[in-house]
N, C-alpha and C. Protein backbone atom coordinates (compact mmCIF):
# COMPACT_ATOMS: atom_id res chain seq x y z
N UNK A 1 7.49 34.02 14.85
CA UNK A 1 7.81 32.69 15.83
C UNK A 1 6.93 32.69 16.85
N UNK A 2 6.15 32.10 17.32
CA UNK A 2 5.37 31.75 18.53
C UNK A 2 6.29 31.35 19.77
N UNK A 3 5.67 31.98 20.90
CA UNK A 3 6.68 31.78 21.81
C UNK A 3 5.97 30.05 22.91
N UNK A 4 4.72 30.20 22.26
CA UNK A 4 3.54 29.02 23.33
C UNK A 4 4.17 27.72 22.62
N UNK A 5 4.09 26.75 23.43
CA UNK A 5 4.70 25.42 22.85
C UNK A 5 3.79 24.60 22.54
N UNK A 6 4.03 24.06 21.20
CA UNK A 6 3.03 23.68 20.45
C UNK A 6 2.82 22.06 21.17
N UNK A 7 0.95 22.28 20.71
CA UNK A 7 0.25 21.19 21.43
C UNK A 7 1.47 19.57 21.29
N UNK A 8 1.59 19.48 20.01
CA UNK A 8 2.69 18.16 19.73
C UNK A 8 3.84 18.15 20.89
N UNK A 9 4.24 18.74 21.43
CA UNK A 9 5.58 19.36 22.20
C UNK A 9 4.89 18.97 23.85
N UNK A 10 3.68 20.11 23.95
CA UNK A 10 3.21 20.43 24.99
C UNK A 10 2.73 19.11 25.50
N UNK A 11 2.21 18.13 25.09
CA UNK A 11 2.01 16.71 25.50
C UNK A 11 3.15 15.96 26.11
N UNK A 12 4.27 16.36 25.53
CA UNK A 12 5.38 15.64 26.30
C UNK A 12 5.49 15.83 27.72
N UNK A 13 5.35 16.96 28.40
CA UNK A 13 5.44 17.27 29.34
C UNK A 13 4.77 16.19 30.63
N UNK A 14 3.35 16.18 30.41
CA UNK A 14 2.81 15.48 31.26
C UNK A 14 3.15 14.07 31.66
N UNK A 15 3.73 13.41 29.62
CA UNK A 15 3.88 12.49 29.75
C UNK A 15 5.25 12.14 30.47
N UNK A 16 6.37 13.06 30.58
CA UNK A 16 7.58 12.91 30.99
C UNK A 16 7.29 13.40 33.00
N UNK A 17 6.29 13.62 33.35
CA UNK A 17 5.92 14.03 34.63
C UNK A 17 5.40 12.57 35.34
N UNK A 18 4.73 11.66 34.20
CA UNK A 18 3.94 10.41 34.60
C UNK A 18 5.46 9.11 34.32
N UNK A 19 6.19 9.74 33.61
CA UNK A 19 7.53 8.78 34.09
C UNK A 19 8.34 9.03 35.03
N UNK A 20 8.37 9.87 35.29
CA UNK A 20 9.41 10.37 36.20
C UNK A 20 8.64 9.56 37.90
N UNK A 21 7.48 10.12 37.68
CA UNK A 21 6.39 9.47 39.02
C UNK A 21 6.96 8.02 38.79
N UNK A 22 6.48 7.41 37.86
CA UNK A 22 6.38 5.91 37.52
C UNK A 22 8.19 5.39 38.05
N UNK A 23 9.08 6.15 37.97
CA UNK A 23 10.49 5.55 38.39
C UNK A 23 10.76 5.56 39.55
N UNK A 24 10.48 6.80 39.82
CA UNK A 24 10.77 7.21 41.66
C UNK A 24 9.47 6.17 42.45
N UNK A 25 8.55 6.12 41.70
CA UNK A 25 7.75 4.80 42.85
C UNK A 25 8.30 3.67 42.65
N UNK A 26 9.28 3.06 41.67
CA UNK A 26 9.97 1.74 41.90
C UNK A 26 11.55 1.72 42.44
N UNK A 27 12.06 2.98 42.10
CA UNK A 27 13.18 3.01 42.73
C UNK A 27 13.44 4.58 43.26
N UNK A 28 12.99 5.44 44.63
CA UNK A 28 12.86 6.20 45.37
C UNK A 28 14.24 7.09 44.81
N UNK A 29 15.40 6.68 45.20
CA UNK A 29 16.68 7.54 45.17
C UNK A 29 16.96 7.20 43.36
N UNK A 30 16.29 6.81 42.39
CA UNK A 30 16.86 6.53 41.09
C UNK A 30 17.63 8.01 40.84
N UNK A 31 16.61 9.14 40.82
CA UNK A 31 17.10 10.36 40.45
C UNK A 31 18.11 11.06 40.66
N UNK A 32 18.36 11.06 42.34
CA UNK A 32 19.19 11.54 43.02
C UNK A 32 20.68 10.63 42.75
N UNK A 33 20.32 9.48 42.60
CA UNK A 33 21.82 8.81 42.29
C UNK A 33 22.43 9.28 40.55
N UNK A 34 21.34 9.51 40.34
CA UNK A 34 21.54 9.66 38.29
C UNK A 34 22.58 10.97 38.23
N UNK A 35 22.35 12.14 39.22
CA UNK A 35 22.52 13.42 39.11
C UNK A 35 23.92 13.68 40.06
N UNK A 36 23.88 12.45 41.22
CA UNK A 36 25.01 12.58 41.80
C UNK A 36 26.23 11.84 41.15
N UNK A 37 26.42 10.67 40.62
CA UNK A 37 27.05 9.79 40.10
C UNK A 37 27.66 10.48 38.57
N UNK A 38 29.01 10.34 38.27
CA UNK A 38 29.55 10.66 36.89
C UNK A 38 28.58 9.50 35.88
N UNK A 39 28.78 9.75 34.60
CA UNK A 39 28.43 9.00 33.65
C UNK A 39 29.29 8.01 32.91
N UNK A 40 29.12 6.40 33.56
CA UNK A 40 30.13 5.89 32.91
C UNK A 40 29.86 4.47 32.18
N UNK A 41 28.98 4.98 30.80
CA UNK A 41 28.82 4.00 29.57
C UNK A 41 29.93 3.51 29.39
N UNK A 42 29.78 1.87 28.68
CA UNK A 42 30.69 1.66 28.15
C UNK A 42 30.62 1.71 26.53
N UNK A 43 29.64 1.99 25.91
CA UNK A 43 29.24 2.08 24.73
C UNK A 43 28.84 3.17 24.24
N UNK A 44 29.71 3.90 22.87
CA UNK A 44 29.07 4.71 22.28
C UNK A 44 28.23 4.16 20.99
N UNK A 45 27.18 4.68 21.23
CA UNK A 45 26.34 4.38 19.85
C UNK A 45 26.23 5.64 18.80
N UNK A 46 26.49 5.37 17.65
CA UNK A 46 26.29 6.17 16.68
C UNK A 46 25.30 5.85 15.79
N UNK A 47 24.06 6.11 15.19
CA UNK A 47 22.59 5.84 14.89
C UNK A 47 22.07 6.96 13.94
N UNK A 48 21.27 6.73 13.63
CA UNK A 48 20.26 7.49 12.76
C UNK A 48 19.46 8.36 13.60
N UNK A 49 19.28 9.38 13.32
CA UNK A 49 18.12 10.69 13.70
C UNK A 49 16.75 9.74 13.69
N UNK A 50 16.29 8.78 12.83
CA UNK A 50 15.07 8.47 12.81
C UNK A 50 14.51 8.06 14.57
N UNK A 51 12.95 8.79 14.58
CA UNK A 51 12.42 8.46 15.60
C UNK A 51 12.27 7.53 16.03
N UNK A 52 11.77 6.19 14.97
CA UNK A 52 11.60 4.56 15.34
C UNK A 52 12.99 4.18 15.89
N UNK A 53 14.34 4.43 15.89
CA UNK A 53 15.25 3.76 16.46
C UNK A 53 15.64 4.67 17.75
N UNK A 54 15.21 4.57 18.63
CA UNK A 54 15.99 5.11 20.01
C UNK A 54 16.71 3.97 20.73
N UNK A 55 17.96 4.08 20.69
CA UNK A 55 18.72 3.18 21.32
C UNK A 55 18.35 2.74 22.56
N UNK A 56 18.16 3.54 23.52
CA UNK A 56 18.04 3.11 24.99
C UNK A 56 16.79 2.19 24.58
N UNK A 57 15.69 2.24 24.00
CA UNK A 57 14.26 1.43 24.20
C UNK A 57 14.54 0.44 23.46
N UNK A 58 15.24 0.28 22.28
CA UNK A 58 15.45 -1.45 21.37
C UNK A 58 16.43 -2.00 22.23
N UNK A 59 17.28 -1.60 22.91
CA UNK A 59 18.04 -2.29 23.85
C UNK A 59 17.76 -2.56 25.32
N UNK A 60 16.90 -1.88 25.67
CA UNK A 60 16.23 -2.37 26.45
C UNK A 60 17.25 -1.72 28.13
N UNK A 61 17.80 -0.67 27.73
CA UNK A 61 18.57 -0.46 28.71
C UNK A 61 18.55 0.83 29.23
N UNK A 62 19.30 1.25 30.64
CA UNK A 62 18.98 2.34 31.59
C UNK A 62 19.57 3.43 30.91
N UNK A 63 18.95 4.30 31.46
CA UNK A 63 19.64 5.97 31.52
C UNK A 63 20.83 5.55 32.11
N UNK A 64 21.96 6.29 31.32
CA UNK A 64 23.50 6.21 31.40
C UNK A 64 24.16 4.57 31.03
N UNK A 65 23.71 3.94 30.07
CA UNK A 65 24.32 3.01 29.79
C UNK A 65 24.79 3.14 28.56
N UNK A 66 24.31 4.05 27.54
CA UNK A 66 24.59 3.95 26.36
C UNK A 66 24.91 5.69 25.92
N UNK A 67 26.02 5.97 25.58
CA UNK A 67 26.55 7.65 25.07
C UNK A 67 26.06 7.25 23.51
N UNK A 68 25.53 8.48 23.08
CA UNK A 68 24.58 8.46 21.87
C UNK A 68 25.06 9.63 20.76
N UNK A 69 25.16 9.32 19.62
CA UNK A 69 25.24 10.38 18.66
C UNK A 69 24.33 9.91 17.53
N UNK A 70 24.05 10.86 17.19
CA UNK A 70 22.57 10.43 16.11
C UNK A 70 22.88 11.61 15.10
N UNK A 71 22.43 11.13 13.94
CA UNK A 71 22.35 12.01 12.45
C UNK A 71 21.81 11.22 11.50
N UNK A 72 21.20 11.90 10.65
CA UNK A 72 20.87 11.23 9.57
C UNK A 72 21.65 10.14 8.45
N UNK A 73 21.26 8.87 8.62
CA UNK A 73 21.73 7.80 8.15
C UNK A 73 22.97 7.69 8.71
N UNK A 74 23.01 7.75 10.05
CA UNK A 74 24.42 7.21 10.70
C UNK A 74 25.69 7.48 10.23
N UNK A 75 26.28 8.95 10.04
CA UNK A 75 27.16 8.84 9.13
C UNK A 75 27.98 9.52 9.95
N UNK A 76 29.70 8.85 9.88
CA UNK A 76 30.78 9.92 10.61
C UNK A 76 31.36 10.76 9.75
N UNK A 77 31.24 11.85 9.41
CA UNK A 77 32.06 12.70 8.54
C UNK A 77 33.68 13.35 9.60
N UNK A 78 34.48 13.01 8.13
CA UNK A 78 35.81 13.68 9.18
C UNK A 78 36.10 15.11 8.87
N UNK A 79 34.83 15.58 8.03
CA UNK A 79 35.15 17.06 8.29
C UNK A 79 34.13 17.82 9.13
N UNK A 80 33.48 17.20 9.85
CA UNK A 80 32.20 17.72 10.99
C UNK A 80 32.78 17.53 12.31
N UNK A 81 33.27 18.55 12.82
CA UNK A 81 33.53 18.35 14.45
C UNK A 81 32.63 18.06 15.51
N UNK A 82 31.33 18.23 15.34
CA UNK A 82 30.41 17.66 15.44
C UNK A 82 30.48 15.97 16.50
N UNK A 83 30.57 15.52 15.17
CA UNK A 83 30.85 13.97 15.36
C UNK A 83 32.04 13.13 15.78
N UNK A 84 32.87 14.01 15.37
CA UNK A 84 34.46 14.16 15.66
C UNK A 84 34.82 14.03 17.58
N UNK A 85 34.08 15.07 18.22
CA UNK A 85 34.15 15.85 19.27
C UNK A 85 33.68 14.35 20.09
N UNK A 86 32.39 14.23 19.73
CA UNK A 86 31.44 12.93 20.10
C UNK A 86 32.42 11.69 20.53
N UNK A 87 33.30 11.29 19.24
CA UNK A 87 33.69 10.55 19.47
C UNK A 87 35.17 10.48 20.77
N UNK A 88 35.66 11.40 20.17
CA UNK A 88 36.88 11.85 21.06
C UNK A 88 36.74 11.77 22.83
N UNK A 89 35.61 12.41 22.99
CA UNK A 89 35.24 12.55 24.36
C UNK A 89 34.65 10.93 24.87
N UNK A 90 34.00 10.70 23.91
CA UNK A 90 33.32 8.86 24.38
C UNK A 90 35.04 8.06 24.41
N UNK A 91 35.93 8.12 23.77
CA UNK A 91 36.90 7.38 23.60
C UNK A 91 38.42 7.92 24.69
N UNK A 92 38.50 8.84 24.66
CA UNK A 92 39.41 9.23 25.65
C UNK A 92 38.67 9.99 27.26
N UNK A 93 37.58 10.64 27.10
CA UNK A 93 37.30 11.04 28.52
C UNK A 93 36.52 9.67 29.28
N UNK A 94 35.25 9.32 28.75
CA UNK A 94 34.73 8.15 28.78
C UNK A 94 35.10 6.80 29.28
N UNK A 95 36.08 6.42 28.17
CA UNK A 95 36.53 5.62 27.96
C UNK A 95 35.91 4.29 27.98
N UNK A 96 34.89 4.32 26.72
CA UNK A 96 34.12 3.29 26.49
C UNK A 96 35.03 2.64 25.59
N UNK A 97 34.26 1.43 25.77
CA UNK A 97 35.04 -0.17 25.62
C UNK A 97 34.68 -0.19 23.78
N UNK A 98 33.40 -0.25 23.38
CA UNK A 98 32.89 -0.21 22.10
C UNK A 98 31.88 0.76 21.48
N UNK A 99 32.33 0.82 20.13
CA UNK A 99 31.85 1.97 19.29
C UNK A 99 30.78 1.59 18.26
N UNK A 100 29.33 1.65 18.36
CA UNK A 100 28.76 0.69 17.47
C UNK A 100 27.91 1.64 16.51
N UNK A 101 28.17 1.65 15.23
CA UNK A 101 27.53 2.06 14.25
C UNK A 101 26.18 1.26 13.87
N UNK A 102 24.93 2.01 13.76
CA UNK A 102 23.86 1.35 13.76
C UNK A 102 22.92 1.75 12.74
N UNK A 103 23.19 1.48 11.75
CA UNK A 103 21.71 1.61 10.61
C UNK A 103 20.65 0.90 10.97
N UNK A 104 19.77 1.10 9.70
CA UNK A 104 18.16 0.65 10.01
C UNK A 104 18.10 0.46 8.88
N UNK A 105 16.53 -0.52 8.85
CA UNK A 105 15.88 -0.72 7.68
C UNK A 105 14.88 0.42 7.51
N UNK A 106 14.28 0.65 6.09
CA UNK A 106 13.54 1.79 5.84
C UNK A 106 13.95 2.88 6.28
N UNK A 107 15.47 3.21 5.69
CA UNK A 107 16.11 4.66 6.36
C UNK A 107 15.66 5.47 5.21
N UNK A 108 15.12 6.95 5.45
CA UNK A 108 14.90 7.79 4.31
C UNK A 108 16.05 8.33 4.00
N UNK A 109 17.07 8.62 4.78
CA UNK A 109 18.59 8.70 4.33
C UNK A 109 18.99 8.07 3.23
N UNK A 110 18.97 6.59 3.54
CA UNK A 110 19.62 5.91 2.67
C UNK A 110 18.87 5.77 1.24
N UNK A 111 17.33 6.08 1.27
CA UNK A 111 16.69 5.76 0.24
C UNK A 111 16.44 7.23 -0.66
N UNK A 112 16.84 8.38 0.14
CA UNK A 112 17.21 9.52 -0.50
C UNK A 112 18.50 9.42 -1.35
N UNK A 113 19.53 8.87 -0.90
CA UNK A 113 20.79 8.76 -1.48
C UNK A 113 20.97 8.04 -2.29
N UNK A 114 20.36 6.72 -2.24
CA UNK A 114 20.29 6.03 -3.66
C UNK A 114 19.47 6.31 -4.90
N UNK A 115 18.17 7.11 -4.43
CA UNK A 115 17.72 7.67 -5.55
C UNK A 115 18.22 8.49 -6.46
N UNK A 116 19.13 9.95 -5.43
CA UNK A 116 20.11 10.83 -5.60
C UNK A 116 21.11 10.16 -6.74
N UNK A 117 21.69 9.23 -6.35
CA UNK A 117 22.62 8.54 -7.30
C UNK A 117 22.53 8.10 -8.53
N UNK A 118 21.03 7.70 -8.81
CA UNK A 118 20.54 7.40 -10.26
C UNK A 118 20.17 8.59 -11.05
N UNK A 119 20.61 9.63 -10.50
CA UNK A 119 20.21 11.10 -11.20
C UNK A 119 21.85 11.32 -11.99
N UNK A 120 21.61 12.29 -13.22
CA UNK A 120 22.93 12.34 -13.47
C UNK A 120 23.95 13.64 -12.95
N UNK A 121 23.26 14.01 -11.96
CA UNK A 121 24.48 14.94 -11.12
C UNK A 121 23.78 15.07 -9.31
N UNK A 122 24.71 15.01 -8.70
CA UNK A 122 24.51 14.93 -7.22
C UNK A 122 23.71 16.44 -6.88
N UNK A 123 22.63 16.88 -6.21
CA UNK A 123 22.35 17.73 -6.21
C UNK A 123 22.89 18.53 -4.75
N UNK A 124 23.39 19.53 -4.63
CA UNK A 124 24.51 19.83 -3.18
C UNK A 124 23.53 21.35 -2.98
N UNK A 125 22.43 21.65 -3.39
CA UNK A 125 21.90 22.81 -2.66
C UNK A 125 21.47 23.32 -1.17
N UNK A 126 21.59 22.25 -0.88
CA UNK A 126 20.42 22.51 0.75
C UNK A 126 21.55 21.80 1.82
N UNK A 127 21.51 21.69 2.74
CA UNK A 127 22.29 20.96 4.10
C UNK A 127 21.88 19.69 4.01
N UNK A 128 20.84 19.22 3.66
CA UNK A 128 20.66 18.01 3.58
C UNK A 128 21.34 17.05 2.55
N UNK A 129 21.27 17.61 1.08
CA UNK A 129 21.73 17.34 -0.13
C UNK A 129 23.08 16.65 0.08
N UNK A 130 23.88 18.15 0.75
CA UNK A 130 25.38 18.06 1.21
C UNK A 130 25.83 16.88 2.09
N UNK A 131 24.75 16.84 2.85
CA UNK A 131 25.20 15.71 4.04
C UNK A 131 25.25 14.34 3.40
N UNK A 132 24.54 14.06 2.45
CA UNK A 132 24.29 12.97 2.01
C UNK A 132 24.91 12.63 0.76
N UNK A 133 25.74 13.16 0.45
CA UNK A 133 26.61 13.16 -0.89
C UNK A 133 27.60 12.06 -0.67
N UNK A 134 28.28 11.85 0.56
CA UNK A 134 29.06 10.52 0.78
C UNK A 134 28.25 9.15 1.12
N UNK A 135 27.13 9.11 1.01
CA UNK A 135 26.55 8.60 0.91
C UNK A 135 25.97 8.00 -0.36
N UNK A 136 25.81 9.37 -1.32
CA UNK A 136 25.14 9.00 -2.80
C UNK A 136 26.59 8.20 -3.69
N UNK A 137 27.78 8.83 -2.94
CA UNK A 137 29.00 8.33 -3.94
C UNK A 137 28.99 6.62 -3.66
N UNK A 138 28.91 6.58 -2.14
CA UNK A 138 29.03 5.02 -1.72
C UNK A 138 27.99 4.08 -2.71
N UNK A 139 27.05 4.72 -2.86
CA UNK A 139 26.05 3.93 -3.81
C UNK A 139 26.56 3.60 -5.75
N UNK A 140 27.09 5.05 -5.78
CA UNK A 140 27.97 4.68 -7.10
C UNK A 140 29.03 3.77 -6.98
N UNK A 141 29.75 3.78 -6.18
CA UNK A 141 30.90 3.01 -6.06
C UNK A 141 30.52 1.44 -5.85
N UNK A 142 29.11 1.27 -5.46
CA UNK A 142 28.70 -0.04 -5.31
C UNK A 142 27.92 -0.43 -6.67
N UNK A 143 27.89 -0.05 -7.63
CA UNK A 143 27.63 0.04 -8.63
C UNK A 143 25.65 -0.02 -8.24
N UNK A 144 25.17 0.51 -7.35
CA UNK A 144 23.65 0.24 -6.57
C UNK A 144 22.67 1.07 -7.74
N UNK A 145 23.31 2.35 -8.48
CA UNK A 145 23.17 3.72 -8.59
C UNK A 145 22.49 2.72 -10.60
N UNK A 146 23.21 1.52 -10.91
CA UNK A 146 22.52 0.85 -12.31
C UNK A 146 21.43 -0.18 -11.75
N UNK A 147 21.15 -0.48 -10.62
CA UNK A 147 19.82 -1.08 -10.23
C UNK A 147 18.86 -0.63 -10.83
N UNK A 148 17.92 -1.73 -11.41
CA UNK A 148 16.65 -1.14 -11.59
C UNK A 148 15.90 -0.71 -10.37
N UNK A 149 14.78 0.28 -10.76
CA UNK A 149 13.56 0.34 -9.47
C UNK A 149 12.95 -1.00 -9.24
N UNK A 150 13.17 -2.00 -9.73
CA UNK A 150 12.51 -2.97 -9.15
C UNK A 150 13.49 -3.56 -8.05
N UNK A 151 14.35 -3.59 -8.29
CA UNK A 151 15.42 -3.85 -7.07
C UNK A 151 15.76 -2.67 -6.33
N UNK A 152 14.67 -2.28 -5.95
CA UNK A 152 15.02 -0.86 -4.86
C UNK A 152 15.47 -1.44 -3.43
N UNK A 153 14.76 -2.25 -3.05
CA UNK A 153 14.71 -2.94 -1.68
C UNK A 153 16.13 -3.51 -1.68
N UNK A 154 16.36 -4.58 -2.57
CA UNK A 154 17.96 -4.94 -2.79
C UNK A 154 18.89 -4.10 -2.29
N UNK A 155 18.94 -2.76 -3.27
CA UNK A 155 19.72 -2.05 -3.04
C UNK A 155 19.82 -1.00 -1.72
N UNK A 156 18.79 -0.66 -1.42
CA UNK A 156 18.81 -0.41 -0.07
C UNK A 156 18.99 -1.10 0.96
N UNK A 157 18.91 -2.38 0.94
CA UNK A 157 19.50 -3.56 1.85
C UNK A 157 21.17 -3.28 1.73
N UNK A 158 21.68 -2.96 0.70
CA UNK A 158 22.81 -3.26 0.59
C UNK A 158 23.73 -2.01 0.84
N UNK A 159 23.45 -0.72 0.17
CA UNK A 159 23.78 0.41 0.53
C UNK A 159 23.40 0.52 2.28
N UNK A 160 22.77 0.24 3.02
CA UNK A 160 22.39 0.08 4.47
C UNK A 160 23.41 -0.73 4.96
N UNK A 161 23.70 -1.89 4.59
CA UNK A 161 24.71 -2.44 5.30
C UNK A 161 26.05 -2.04 5.20
N UNK A 162 26.45 -1.54 3.75
CA UNK A 162 27.81 -1.08 3.35
C UNK A 162 27.94 0.21 3.95
N UNK A 163 27.10 1.17 4.51
CA UNK A 163 27.04 2.30 4.70
C UNK A 163 27.64 1.88 6.04
N UNK A 164 27.05 1.22 6.95
CA UNK A 164 27.51 1.19 8.39
C UNK A 164 28.98 0.08 8.51
N UNK A 165 29.16 -0.28 7.77
CA UNK A 165 30.42 -0.92 7.35
C UNK A 165 31.91 0.44 7.48
N UNK A 166 31.38 1.05 6.17
CA UNK A 166 32.10 2.30 5.65
C UNK A 166 32.26 2.91 6.95
N UNK A 167 31.38 3.35 7.74
CA UNK A 167 31.65 4.74 8.93
C UNK A 167 32.54 3.90 10.01
N UNK A 168 32.15 2.34 10.09
CA UNK A 168 33.07 2.01 11.61
C UNK A 168 34.64 1.99 10.25
N UNK A 169 34.63 1.68 9.45
CA UNK A 169 36.36 2.16 8.35
C UNK A 169 36.57 3.36 8.82
N UNK A 170 35.89 4.48 8.86
CA UNK A 170 36.34 6.06 8.83
C UNK A 170 36.42 6.04 10.16
N UNK A 171 35.73 5.58 11.14
CA UNK A 171 36.33 5.34 13.02
C UNK A 171 37.80 4.92 12.90
N UNK A 172 38.00 3.92 12.51
CA UNK A 172 39.16 3.03 12.62
C UNK A 172 40.14 3.97 12.45
N UNK A 173 40.18 4.82 11.30
CA UNK A 173 41.20 5.41 11.24
C UNK A 173 41.42 7.15 11.74
N UNK A 174 40.51 7.19 12.71
CA UNK A 174 40.43 8.56 13.15
C UNK A 174 42.11 8.58 13.94
N UNK A 175 42.37 9.39 14.22
CA UNK A 175 43.41 9.56 15.02
C UNK A 175 43.17 9.21 16.45
N UNK A 176 41.94 9.62 16.97
CA UNK A 176 41.61 9.35 18.31
C UNK A 176 41.52 8.08 18.73
N UNK A 177 40.77 7.55 17.59
CA UNK A 177 41.04 5.63 17.79
C UNK A 177 42.48 5.24 18.03
N UNK A 178 43.30 5.81 16.69
CA UNK A 178 44.27 4.84 16.62
C UNK A 178 45.69 5.80 17.67
N UNK A 179 45.18 6.75 18.70
CA UNK A 179 45.96 6.89 19.87
C UNK A 179 45.86 6.24 20.69
N UNK A 180 44.47 5.76 21.30
CA UNK A 180 43.71 4.84 22.28
C UNK A 180 44.26 3.47 21.61
N UNK A 181 44.42 2.73 20.79
CA UNK A 181 45.21 1.55 20.20
C UNK A 181 46.32 1.84 20.86
N UNK A 182 47.17 2.48 20.59
CA UNK A 182 48.53 3.07 20.76
C UNK A 182 49.08 2.94 22.00
N UNK A 183 48.34 3.61 22.85
CA UNK A 183 48.69 3.69 24.30
C UNK A 183 47.77 2.08 25.27
N UNK A 184 47.68 1.54 24.51
CA UNK A 184 46.74 -0.11 24.79
C UNK A 184 45.48 0.00 25.45
N UNK A 185 44.63 1.10 24.87
CA UNK A 185 43.25 0.96 25.44
C UNK A 185 42.59 0.58 24.47
N UNK A 186 41.51 -0.44 25.39
CA UNK A 186 40.44 -1.49 24.33
C UNK A 186 39.69 -0.24 23.92
N UNK A 187 39.48 -0.93 22.35
CA UNK A 187 38.53 -0.02 21.83
C UNK A 187 37.76 -0.58 20.61
N UNK A 188 36.65 -1.70 20.83
CA UNK A 188 36.05 -2.21 20.07
C UNK A 188 35.18 -1.67 18.76
N UNK A 189 34.89 -1.86 17.52
CA UNK A 189 34.43 -1.38 16.72
C UNK A 189 33.51 -2.44 15.71
N UNK A 190 32.37 -1.85 15.67
CA UNK A 190 30.95 -2.96 15.27
C UNK A 190 30.48 -2.15 14.23
N UNK A 191 29.68 -2.65 13.43
CA UNK A 191 28.36 -2.44 12.30
C UNK A 191 27.32 -3.25 12.89
N UNK A 192 26.25 -2.84 12.84
CA UNK A 192 24.84 -3.48 13.08
C UNK A 192 23.56 -2.86 12.39
N UNK A 193 22.98 -3.77 11.94
CA UNK A 193 21.54 -2.94 11.19
C UNK A 193 20.46 -3.09 12.11
N UNK A 194 19.67 -2.18 12.71
CA UNK A 194 18.00 -2.64 13.27
C UNK A 194 17.14 -2.91 12.16
N UNK A 195 16.52 -4.21 12.41
CA UNK A 195 15.60 -4.58 11.34
C UNK A 195 14.09 -4.04 11.84
N UNK A 196 13.80 -2.84 11.18
CA UNK A 196 12.42 -2.72 11.62
C UNK A 196 11.54 -3.51 11.46
N UNK A 197 11.37 -4.45 10.84
CA UNK A 197 10.26 -5.12 10.50
C UNK A 197 10.21 -6.19 11.42
N UNK A 198 11.25 -6.89 12.55
CA UNK A 198 11.27 -7.49 13.42
C UNK A 198 11.70 -6.98 14.75
N UNK A 199 12.29 -5.85 14.72
CA UNK A 199 12.80 -5.15 16.28
C UNK A 199 14.40 -5.78 16.48
N UNK A 200 15.05 -6.47 15.61
CA UNK A 200 15.93 -6.96 16.40
C UNK A 200 17.05 -6.40 15.48
N UNK A 201 18.31 -6.13 15.99
CA UNK A 201 19.94 -5.67 15.71
C UNK A 201 20.89 -7.24 14.92
N UNK A 202 21.04 -6.66 13.82
CA UNK A 202 21.92 -7.71 13.03
C UNK A 202 23.48 -7.20 13.08
N UNK A 203 24.16 -8.06 12.76
CA UNK A 203 25.53 -7.43 13.13
C UNK A 203 25.90 -7.69 11.72
N UNK A 204 26.34 -6.61 10.93
CA UNK A 204 26.73 -6.44 10.01
C UNK A 204 28.67 -6.36 9.58
N UNK A 205 29.07 -6.65 10.71
CA UNK A 205 30.13 -6.28 10.85
C UNK A 205 31.32 -6.34 9.46
N UNK A 206 30.80 -8.16 8.87
CA UNK A 206 31.99 -8.61 7.82
C UNK A 206 33.49 -8.83 8.78
N UNK A 207 34.12 -7.98 8.13
CA UNK A 207 35.79 -8.57 9.13
C UNK A 207 35.76 -8.54 10.52
N UNK A 208 34.87 -7.18 10.66
CA UNK A 208 34.89 -6.67 12.32
C UNK A 208 34.30 -7.62 13.03
N UNK A 209 34.00 -7.10 14.63
CA UNK A 209 34.38 -6.08 14.65
C UNK A 209 36.07 -5.83 15.65
N UNK A 210 36.09 -4.87 15.06
CA UNK A 210 37.74 -4.90 14.84
C UNK A 210 38.09 -4.35 16.32
N UNK A 211 39.35 -5.11 16.94
CA UNK A 211 39.54 -4.95 18.39
C UNK A 211 41.17 -4.63 18.40
N UNK A 212 41.67 -3.76 18.73
CA UNK A 212 43.07 -3.45 18.54
C UNK A 212 43.82 -3.11 19.92
């Protein structure tokens, strides 16, 4: 393993320096305030790791506006402490008012899950394959595994939207969220999809957003 910075990563350092200079030229005390003040985001964004869907950029927000958790295919696993810890911290400590699960079109995780759902057995040999099992199961539950390849785009659209809604359902049932509601804390749940073709967010919450 090399200790040298790879050129692709090394290029980010001068870009960061330039960005910091621009910010300070527009607001000389911005970073001083950022470091001195505690974060107070009102939104928890649970999105995909896809590099084309950075929440702060697509929502035109500032640093500190959105608390973020991202993973492949924007899923909430009830057995993975990482995501559950983020939600607990967001609700109990940051007191966020909105939790938004955001899927997106052209999601590689969704496509991989749909293709795997068409196979006779579900592959589980790698961490990625095991992570996608709930999404593969969802594809089968929706009957999308029976759609022909010609209907691939339709299947992926449905699976993307239903996956976002399913994660909201998981969040709804978490003790952290239920306890917050029981003590009168306002927490709203939403399911959105980022349309990569247009750069816009679409609310696919169905009967949501949930407020209690």
